[in-house]
C-alpha cells in the first residue's frame, strides 16, 4: 500500500492553475524526487502534502489518512524541511532542539540522539547564528525528526550548499532512507536526484510529465538530463 497517494489533484490560485490533475503514488521506504524547473508546481505540491494548502479538487492520502479530513493525524506522520530552517539564531543547537521537543511533547533524550545522527553533537552548545547553511540544514532535519515521522519532506534541500556541506547533507539523507524513512524531496538539480532517489516524478507548468524509476523516466534517452530537457522543453 502506498504511504502517499495523490489522485487527480488540482490546485488553483484564482485563475492560475498551479497543479493540474496530478496523480502520484509513493511507496513506504522509497526516496522519491519531485523534479521540475522553477514554477513547475513543486513547492505547491509540498505545501499540499504538508497540509498547509488544500487542493481545489482531487484527494491526498498519507499513511492511510485523508490529508484534509484528518490533518492532525498527518502531521504526526511527516517531518518537513523547507527553505526557511525555522531555527533561532540566538539559541544554541541543543536549545533549539529542546524548544521544539517541548512543542511536540517529546522527551529531551531525543535531542542528543538526533544531534549525533546529523553529525552536530560536537556543536550542540554553539549558537545557531554561527552555523553555515549546511549545518542549519542538518539541524533542520534533526528538528523535523523529533517526533519520529515516517515521512521526511524536503523542499529544495541542496539549494545554496557548498560542495562539502552538500556531501554531508546527502549522506544524512541516505542514512535516514536506509533506516526506513520515506524521503520526498523537490529539486531541479538532476545530480541530486541521481544521488539520492530511486524514483522521481517530473512536473512542468503544473502538469505531471513522467513518473517512475529513473530508468523509466529516461526511456530511450541516453541520460536523465536528456529526458528531462525533452519533458520540460529545456527548462532547468
C-alpha atoms as a PDB file:
ATOM      1  CA  UNK A   1       0.000   0.000   0.000  1.00  0.00           C
ATOM      2  CA  UNK A   2       1.429   3.423  -0.915  1.00  0.00           C
ATOM      3  CA  UNK A   3       2.334   5.669   2.002  1.00  0.00           C
ATOM      4  CA  UNK A   4       1.427   8.694  -0.156  1.00  0.00           C
ATOM      5  CA  UNK A   5      -1.344   8.542  -2.739  1.00  0.00           C
ATOM      6  CA  UNK A   6      -2.380  11.586  -4.753  1.00  0.00           C
ATOM      7  CA  UNK A   7      -5.347  11.227  -7.092  1.00  0.00           C
ATOM      8  CA  UNK A   8      -6.387  13.778  -9.735  1.00  0.00           C
ATOM      9  CA  UNK A   9      -5.234  16.684  -7.586  1.00  0.00           C
ATOM     10  CA  UNK A  10      -5.725  20.192  -8.918  1.00  0.00           C
ATOM     11  CA  UNK A  11      -4.714  23.384  -7.132  1.00  0.00           C
ATOM     12  CA  UNK A  12      -5.815  26.793  -8.386  1.00  0.00           C
ATOM     13  CA  UNK A  13      -4.929  30.265  -7.167  1.00  0.00           C
ATOM     14  CA  UNK A  14      -7.647  32.372  -8.716  1.00  0.00           C
ATOM     15  CA  UNK A  15      -7.446  31.636 -12.438  1.00  0.00           C
ATOM     16  CA  UNK A  16      -3.897  30.304 -12.211  1.00  0.00           C
ATOM     17  CA  UNK A  17      -3.666  26.501 -12.247  1.00  0.00           C
ATOM     18  CA  UNK A  18      -0.605  25.602 -10.152  1.00  0.00           C
ATOM     19  CA  UNK A  19      -1.234  21.838 -10.311  1.00  0.00           C
ATOM     20  CA  UNK A  20      -3.400  20.191 -12.950  1.00  0.00           C
ATOM     21  CA  UNK A  21      -4.914  16.760 -12.204  1.00  0.00           C
ATOM     22  CA  UNK A  22      -1.743  15.291 -10.732  1.00  0.00           C
ATOM     23  CA  UNK A  23      -1.833  11.621  -9.704  1.00  0.00           C
ATOM     24  CA  UNK A  24       1.142  10.137  -7.892  1.00  0.00           C
ATOM     25  CA  UNK A  25       1.896   7.111  -5.724  1.00  0.00           C
ATOM     26  CA  UNK A  26       4.884   6.782  -3.356  1.00  0.00           C
ATOM     27  CA  UNK A  27       5.658   3.530  -1.555  1.00  0.00           C
ATOM     28  CA  UNK A  28       6.815   3.324   2.046  1.00  0.00           C
ATOM     29  CA  UNK A  29      10.602   3.394   2.338  1.00  0.00           C
ATOM     30  CA  UNK A  30      11.225   4.993  -1.045  1.00  0.00           C
ATOM     31  CA  UNK A  31      13.355   8.039  -1.693  1.00  0.00           C
ATOM     32  CA  UNK A  32      11.323   9.985  -4.237  1.00  0.00           C
ATOM     33  CA  UNK A  33      12.142  13.209  -6.102  1.00  0.00           C
ATOM     34  CA  UNK A  34       9.686  15.777  -7.376  1.00  0.00           C
ATOM     35  CA  UNK A  35      11.709  17.208 -10.238  1.00  0.00           C
ATOM     36  CA  UNK A  36      10.974  20.277 -12.308  1.00  0.00           C
ATOM     37  CA  UNK A  37      12.029  23.791 -13.276  1.00  0.00           C
ATOM     38  CA  UNK A  38      11.154  26.889 -11.279  1.00  0.00           C
ATOM     39  CA  UNK A  39       7.407  27.480 -11.401  1.00  0.00           C
ATOM     40  CA  UNK A  40       6.613  23.836 -12.153  1.00  0.00           C
ATOM     41  CA  UNK A  41       4.433  23.413  -9.049  1.00  0.00           C
ATOM     42  CA  UNK A  42       6.920  21.606  -6.817  1.00  0.00           C
ATOM     43  CA  UNK A  43       6.549  23.836  -3.767  1.00  0.00           C
ATOM     44  CA  UNK A  44       2.762  23.898  -4.157  1.00  0.00           C
ATOM     45  CA  UNK A  45       2.789  20.103  -4.096  1.00  0.00           C
ATOM     46  CA  UNK A  46       4.989  20.032  -0.982  1.00  0.00           C
ATOM     47  CA  UNK A  47       2.775  22.548   0.807  1.00  0.00           C
ATOM     48  CA  UNK A  48      -0.225  20.400  -0.060  1.00  0.00           C
ATOM     49  CA  UNK A  49       1.458  17.251   1.265  1.00  0.00           C
ATOM     50  CA  UNK A  50       2.298  19.215   4.422  1.00  0.00           C
ATOM     51  CA  UNK A  51      -1.443  20.051   4.847  1.00  0.00           C
ATOM     52  CA  UNK A  52      -0.669  23.772   4.501  1.00  0.00           C
ATOM     53  CA  UNK A  53      -2.723  24.011   1.302  1.00  0.00           C
ATOM     54  CA  UNK A  54      -5.994  22.332   0.421  1.00  0.00           C
ATOM     55  CA  UNK A  55      -6.409  21.110  -3.164  1.00  0.00           C
ATOM     56  CA  UNK A  56      -9.105  22.635  -5.344  1.00  0.00           C
ATOM     57  CA  UNK A  57     -10.013  19.125  -6.495  1.00  0.00           C
ATOM     58  CA  UNK A  58      -8.821  15.554  -6.016  1.00  0.00           C
ATOM     59  CA  UNK A  59      -7.592  13.662  -2.966  1.00  0.00           C
ATOM     60  CA  UNK A  60      -4.384  13.236  -0.977  1.00  0.00           C
ATOM     61  CA  UNK A  61      -3.878  10.291   1.370  1.00  0.00           C
ATOM     62  CA  UNK A  62      -0.837   9.971   3.607  1.00  0.00           C
ATOM     63  CA  UNK A  63      -0.202   6.846   5.694  1.00  0.00           C
ATOM     64  CA  UNK A  64      -3.815   5.868   5.043  1.00  0.00           C
ATOM     65  CA  UNK A  65      -5.306   9.143   6.295  1.00  0.00           C
ATOM     66  CA  UNK A  66      -7.101  11.783   4.259  1.00  0.00           C
ATOM     67  CA  UNK A  67      -4.825  14.812   4.425  1.00  0.00           C
ATOM     68  CA  UNK A  68      -7.695  17.267   4.774  1.00  0.00           C
ATOM     69  CA  UNK A  69     -10.172  15.358   6.876  1.00  0.00           C
ATOM     70  CA  UNK A  70      -7.512  14.194   9.354  1.00  0.00           C
ATOM     71  CA  UNK A  71      -4.700  16.795   9.154  1.00  0.00           C
ATOM     72  CA  UNK A  72      -3.630  16.352  12.784  1.00  0.00           C
ATOM     73  CA  UNK A  73      -3.044  12.644  12.160  1.00  0.00           C
ATOM     74  CA  UNK A  74      -0.996  13.523   9.079  1.00  0.00           C
ATOM     75  CA  UNK A  75       1.210  15.977  10.978  1.00  0.00           C
ATOM     76  CA  UNK A  76       2.318  13.125  13.235  1.00  0.00           C
ATOM     77  CA  UNK A  77       3.480  11.158  10.196  1.00  0.00           C
ATOM     78  CA  UNK A  78       5.502  13.856   8.409  1.00  0.00           C
ATOM     79  CA  UNK A  79       8.573  15.956   9.110  1.00  0.00           C
ATOM     80  CA  UNK A  80       9.171  18.964   6.859  1.00  0.00           C
ATOM     81  CA  UNK A  81      12.391  20.787   5.968  1.00  0.00           C
ATOM     82  CA  UNK A  82      11.748  23.913   3.879  1.00  0.00           C
ATOM     83  CA  UNK A  83      13.764  26.892   2.612  1.00  0.00           C
ATOM     84  CA  UNK A  84      13.312  28.545   6.000  1.00  0.00           C
ATOM     85  CA  UNK A  85      15.031  26.362   8.619  1.00  0.00           C
ATOM     86  CA  UNK A  86      12.741  27.674  11.415  1.00  0.00           C
ATOM     87  CA  UNK A  87      15.661  27.898  13.825  1.00  0.00           C
ATOM     88  CA  UNK A  88      16.542  30.620  16.323  1.00  0.00           C
ATOM     89  CA  UNK A  89      19.977  32.109  15.685  1.00  0.00           C
ATOM     90  CA  UNK A  90      20.304  33.410  19.256  1.00  0.00           C
ATOM     91  CA  UNK A  91      19.777  29.943  20.744  1.00  0.00           C
ATOM     92  CA  UNK A  92      22.265  27.078  20.864  1.00  0.00           C
ATOM     93  CA  UNK A  93      21.669  23.977  18.759  1.00  0.00           C
ATOM     94  CA  UNK A  94      20.601  21.946  21.793  1.00  0.00           C
ATOM     95  CA  UNK A  95      18.325  24.770  22.976  1.00  0.00           C
ATOM     96  CA  UNK A  96      16.621  24.923  19.577  1.00  0.00           C
ATOM     97  CA  UNK A  97      16.030  21.190  19.675  1.00  0.00           C
ATOM     98  CA  UNK A  98      14.757  21.276  23.262  1.00  0.00           C
ATOM     99  CA  UNK A  99      12.322  24.062  22.335  1.00  0.00           C
ATOM    100  CA  UNK A 100      10.828  22.006  19.503  1.00  0.00           C
ATOM    101  CA  UNK A 101      10.848  18.836  21.605  1.00  0.00           C
ATOM    102  CA  UNK A 102       8.635  20.648  24.119  1.00  0.00           C
ATOM    103  CA  UNK A 103       6.292  21.765  21.314  1.00  0.00           C
ATOM    104  CA  UNK A 104       5.989  18.175  20.091  1.00  0.00           C
ATOM    105  CA  UNK A 105       5.666  16.773  23.598  1.00  0.00           C
ATOM    106  CA  UNK A 106       8.816  14.707  23.053  1.00  0.00           C
ATOM    107  CA  UNK A 107      11.348  13.840  25.763  1.00  0.00           C
ATOM    108  CA  UNK A 108      14.676  15.665  25.682  1.00  0.00           C
ATOM    109  CA  UNK A 109      16.504  12.344  25.384  1.00  0.00           C
ATOM    110  CA  UNK A 110      15.716  12.514  21.643  1.00  0.00           C
ATOM    111  CA  UNK A 111      17.684  15.743  21.312  1.00  0.00           C
ATOM    112  CA  UNK A 112      21.191  14.315  21.739  1.00  0.00           C
ATOM    113  CA  UNK A 113      20.317  11.184  19.757  1.00  0.00           C
ATOM    114  CA  UNK A 114      19.325  13.301  16.762  1.00  0.00           C
ATOM    115  CA  UNK A 115      22.192  15.772  17.066  1.00  0.00           C
ATOM    116  CA  UNK A 116      24.531  12.790  16.846  1.00  0.00           C
ATOM    117  CA  UNK A 117      22.578  11.339  13.906  1.00  0.00           C
ATOM    118  CA  UNK A 118      23.107  14.502  11.853  1.00  0.00           C
ATOM    119  CA  UNK A 119      26.728  14.935  12.964  1.00  0.00           C
ATOM    120  CA  UNK A 120      26.241  18.009  15.142  1.00  0.00           C
ATOM    121  CA  UNK A 121      26.810  16.572  18.612  1.00  0.00           C
ATOM    122  CA  UNK A 122      30.097  18.473  18.947  1.00  0.00           C
ATOM    123  CA  UNK A 123      28.333  21.754  18.120  1.00  0.00           C
ATOM    124  CA  UNK A 124      25.388  21.229  20.461  1.00  0.00           C
ATOM    125  CA  UNK A 125      26.409  24.193  22.636  1.00  0.00           C
ATOM    126  CA  UNK A 126      27.156  26.531  19.714  1.00  0.00           C
ATOM    127  CA  UNK A 127      24.827  29.356  18.735  1.00  0.00           C
ATOM    128  CA  UNK A 128      22.901  28.531  15.572  1.00  0.00           C
ATOM    129  CA  UNK A 129      23.704  32.015  14.261  1.00  0.00           C
ATOM    130  CA  UNK A 130      27.306  30.815  13.903  1.00  0.00           C
ATOM    131  CA  UNK A 131      26.301  27.842  11.727  1.00  0.00           C
ATOM    132  CA  UNK A 132      26.830  27.551   7.974  1.00  0.00           C
ATOM    133  CA  UNK A 133      23.783  26.971   5.780  1.00  0.00           C
ATOM    134  CA  UNK A 134      24.698  23.287   5.530  1.00  0.00           C
ATOM    135  CA  UNK A 135      24.828  22.920   9.313  1.00  0.00           C
ATOM    136  CA  UNK A 136      21.472  24.670   9.626  1.00  0.00           C
ATOM    137  CA  UNK A 137      20.024  22.263   7.066  1.00  0.00           C
ATOM    138  CA  UNK A 138      21.243  19.277   9.068  1.00  0.00           C
ATOM    139  CA  UNK A 139      19.862  20.765  12.286  1.00  0.00           C
ATOM    140  CA  UNK A 140      16.555  21.325  10.481  1.00  0.00           C
ATOM    141  CA  UNK A 141      16.465  17.622   9.646  1.00  0.00           C
ATOM    142  CA  UNK A 142      17.066  16.776  13.302  1.00  0.00           C
ATOM    143  CA  UNK A 143      14.214  19.123  14.256  1.00  0.00           C
ATOM    144  CA  UNK A 144      11.912  17.519  11.684  1.00  0.00           C
ATOM    145  CA  UNK A 145      12.678  14.032  13.061  1.00  0.00           C
ATOM    146  CA  UNK A 146      11.951  14.770  16.731  1.00  0.00           C
ATOM    147  CA  UNK A 147       8.506  13.161  16.667  1.00  0.00           C
ATOM    148  CA  UNK A 148       9.765  10.123  14.687  1.00  0.00           C
ATOM    149  CA  UNK A 149       7.779  10.714  11.483  1.00  0.00           C
ATOM    150  CA  UNK A 150       7.506   8.025   8.834  1.00  0.00           C
ATOM    151  CA  UNK A 151       7.975  10.569   6.041  1.00  0.00           C
ATOM    152  CA  UNK A 152      10.580  13.311   5.626  1.00  0.00           C
ATOM    153  CA  UNK A 153       9.647  16.031   3.114  1.00  0.00           C
ATOM    154  CA  UNK A 154      12.401  18.353   1.878  1.00  0.00           C
ATOM    155  CA  UNK A 155      11.839  21.387  -0.348  1.00  0.00           C
ATOM    156  CA  UNK A 156      14.936  22.180  -2.471  1.00  0.00           C
ATOM    157  CA  UNK A 157      17.310  20.835   0.210  1.00  0.00           C
ATOM    158  CA  UNK A 158      20.546  21.317  -1.734  1.00  0.00           C
ATOM    159  CA  UNK A 159      19.972  24.940  -2.718  1.00  0.00           C
ATOM    160  CA  UNK A 160      22.784  27.221  -1.594  1.00  0.00           C
ATOM    161  CA  UNK A 161      25.022  24.494  -0.161  1.00  0.00           C
ATOM    162  CA  UNK A 162      28.724  24.312  -0.947  1.00  0.00           C
ATOM    163  CA  UNK A 163      30.232  21.025  -2.110  1.00  0.00           C
ATOM    164  CA  UNK A 164      31.356  19.835   1.335  1.00  0.00           C
ATOM    165  CA  UNK A 165      28.066  20.769   3.019  1.00  0.00           C
ATOM    166  CA  UNK A 166      26.090  19.125   0.232  1.00  0.00           C
ATOM    167  CA  UNK A 167      28.054  15.864   0.641  1.00  0.00           C
ATOM    168  CA  UNK A 168      27.416  15.728   4.395  1.00  0.00           C
ATOM    169  CA  UNK A 169      23.764  16.589   3.835  1.00  0.00           C
ATOM    170  CA  UNK A 170      23.360  13.875   1.191  1.00  0.00           C
ATOM    171  CA  UNK A 171      24.990  11.298   3.468  1.00  0.00           C
ATOM    172  CA  UNK A 172      22.496  12.174   6.210  1.00  0.00           C
ATOM    173  CA  UNK A 173      19.521  11.744   3.859  1.00  0.00           C
ATOM    174  CA  UNK A 174      20.800   8.419   2.517  1.00  0.00           C
ATOM    175  CA  UNK A 175      21.317   7.015   6.001  1.00  0.00           C
ATOM    176  CA  UNK A 176      17.792   8.003   7.038  1.00  0.00           C
ATOM    177  CA  UNK A 177      16.359   6.336   3.952  1.00  0.00           C
ATOM    178  CA  UNK A 178      18.392   3.162   4.523  1.00  0.00           C
ATOM    179  CA  UNK A 179      16.914   3.024   8.020  1.00  0.00           C
ATOM    180  CA  UNK A 180      13.354   3.082   6.680  1.00  0.00           C
ATOM    181  CA  UNK A 181      12.332   6.739   6.495  1.00  0.00           C
ATOM    182  CA  UNK A 182      10.378   7.590   3.352  1.00  0.00           C
ATOM    183  CA  UNK A 183      12.036  10.628   1.753  1.00  0.00           C
ATOM    184  CA  UNK A 184      10.252  13.026  -0.599  1.00  0.00           C
ATOM    185  CA  UNK A 185      12.273  15.920  -1.958  1.00  0.00           C
ATOM    186  CA  UNK A 186      11.735  18.650  -4.525  1.00  0.00           C
ATOM    187  CA  UNK A 187      14.615  19.762  -6.684  1.00  0.00           C
ATOM    188  CA  UNK A 188      15.703  20.956 -10.103  1.00  0.00           C
ATOM    189  CA  UNK A 189      19.209  19.548  -9.608  1.00  0.00           C
ATOM    190  CA  UNK A 190      19.499  16.352 -11.639  1.00  0.00           C
ATOM    191  CA  UNK A 191      22.617  15.192  -9.785  1.00  0.00           C
ATOM    192  CA  UNK A 192      20.626  15.378  -6.537  1.00  0.00           C
ATOM    193  CA  UNK A 193      18.002  13.035  -7.973  1.00  0.00           C
ATOM    194  CA  UNK A 194      20.570  10.516  -9.206  1.00  0.00           C
ATOM    195  CA  UNK A 195      22.469  10.666  -5.912  1.00  0.00           C
ATOM    196  CA  UNK A 196      19.530  10.296  -3.529  1.00  0.00           C
ATOM    197  CA  UNK A 197      16.457   8.830  -5.194  1.00  0.00           C
ATOM    198  CA  UNK A 198      15.185   5.548  -6.572  1.00  0.00           C
ATOM    199  CA  UNK A 199      12.141   7.098  -8.237  1.00  0.00           C
ATOM    200  CA  UNK A 200      11.038  10.507  -9.421  1.00  0.00           C
ATOM    201  CA  UNK A 201       8.237  12.494 -10.979  1.00  0.00           C
ATOM    202  CA  UNK A 202       8.741  15.333 -13.451  1.00  0.00           C
ATOM    203  CA  UNK A 203       6.452  18.355 -13.181  1.00  0.00           C
ATOM    204  CA  UNK A 204       6.286  21.149 -15.723  1.00  0.00           C
ATOM    205  CA  UNK A 205       3.857  24.076 -15.609  1.00  0.00           C
ATOM    206  CA  UNK A 206       1.691  22.243 -13.107  1.00  0.00           C
ATOM    207  CA  UNK A 207       1.321  19.038 -15.110  1.00  0.00           C
ATOM    208  CA  UNK A 208       2.858  15.637 -14.407  1.00  0.00           C
ATOM    209  CA  UNK A 209       5.058  14.777 -17.393  1.00  0.00           C
ATOM    210  CA  UNK A 210       6.520  11.472 -16.178  1.00  0.00           C
ATOM    211  CA  UNK A 211       6.769   9.266 -13.097  1.00  0.00           C
ATOM    212  CA  UNK A 212       8.611   6.066 -12.228  1.00  0.00           C
ATOM    213  CA  UNK A 213      12.115   4.727 -11.719  1.00  0.00           C
ATOM    214  CA  UNK A 214      14.944   6.827 -13.099  1.00  0.00           C
ATOM    215  CA  UNK A 215      15.412   4.311 -15.915  1.00  0.00           C
ATOM    216  CA  UNK A 216      11.706   4.512 -16.757  1.00  0.00           C
ATOM    217  CA  UNK A 217      11.903   8.293 -16.913  1.00  0.00           C
ATOM    218  CA  UNK A 218      14.997   8.131 -19.121  1.00  0.00           C
ATOM    219  CA  UNK A 219      13.158   5.866 -21.557  1.00  0.00           C
ATOM    220  CA  UNK A 220      15.070   5.892 -24.825  1.00  0.00           C
ATOM    221  CA  UNK A 221      17.117   8.948 -23.815  1.00  0.00           C
ATOM    222  CA  UNK A 222      20.830   8.498 -23.148  1.00  0.00           C
ATOM    223  CA  UNK A 223      20.830  10.378 -19.842  1.00  0.00           C
ATOM    224  CA  UNK A 224      18.375  11.681 -17.264  1.00  0.00           C
ATOM    225  CA  UNK A 225      19.302  15.198 -18.378  1.00  0.00           C
ATOM    226  CA  UNK A 226      18.335  14.424 -21.980  1.00  0.00           C
ATOM    227  CA  UNK A 227      14.997  13.012 -20.836  1.00  0.00           C
ATOM    228  CA  UNK A 228      14.380  15.969 -18.538  1.00  0.00           C
ATOM    229  CA  UNK A 229      15.066  18.505 -21.291  1.00  0.00           C
ATOM    230  CA  UNK A 230      12.686  16.674 -23.604  1.00  0.00           C
ATOM    231  CA  UNK A 231       9.945  16.525 -20.951  1.00  0.00           C
ATOM    232  CA  UNK A 232      10.237  20.156 -19.868  1.00  0.00           C
ATOM    233  CA  UNK A 233      11.169  21.846 -23.111  1.00  0.00           C
ATOM    234  CA  UNK A 234      14.681  22.555 -21.916  1.00  0.00           C
ATOM    235  CA  UNK A 235      13.848  24.394 -18.681  1.00  0.00           C
ATOM    236  CA  UNK A 236      16.246  23.832 -15.779  1.00  0.00           C
END
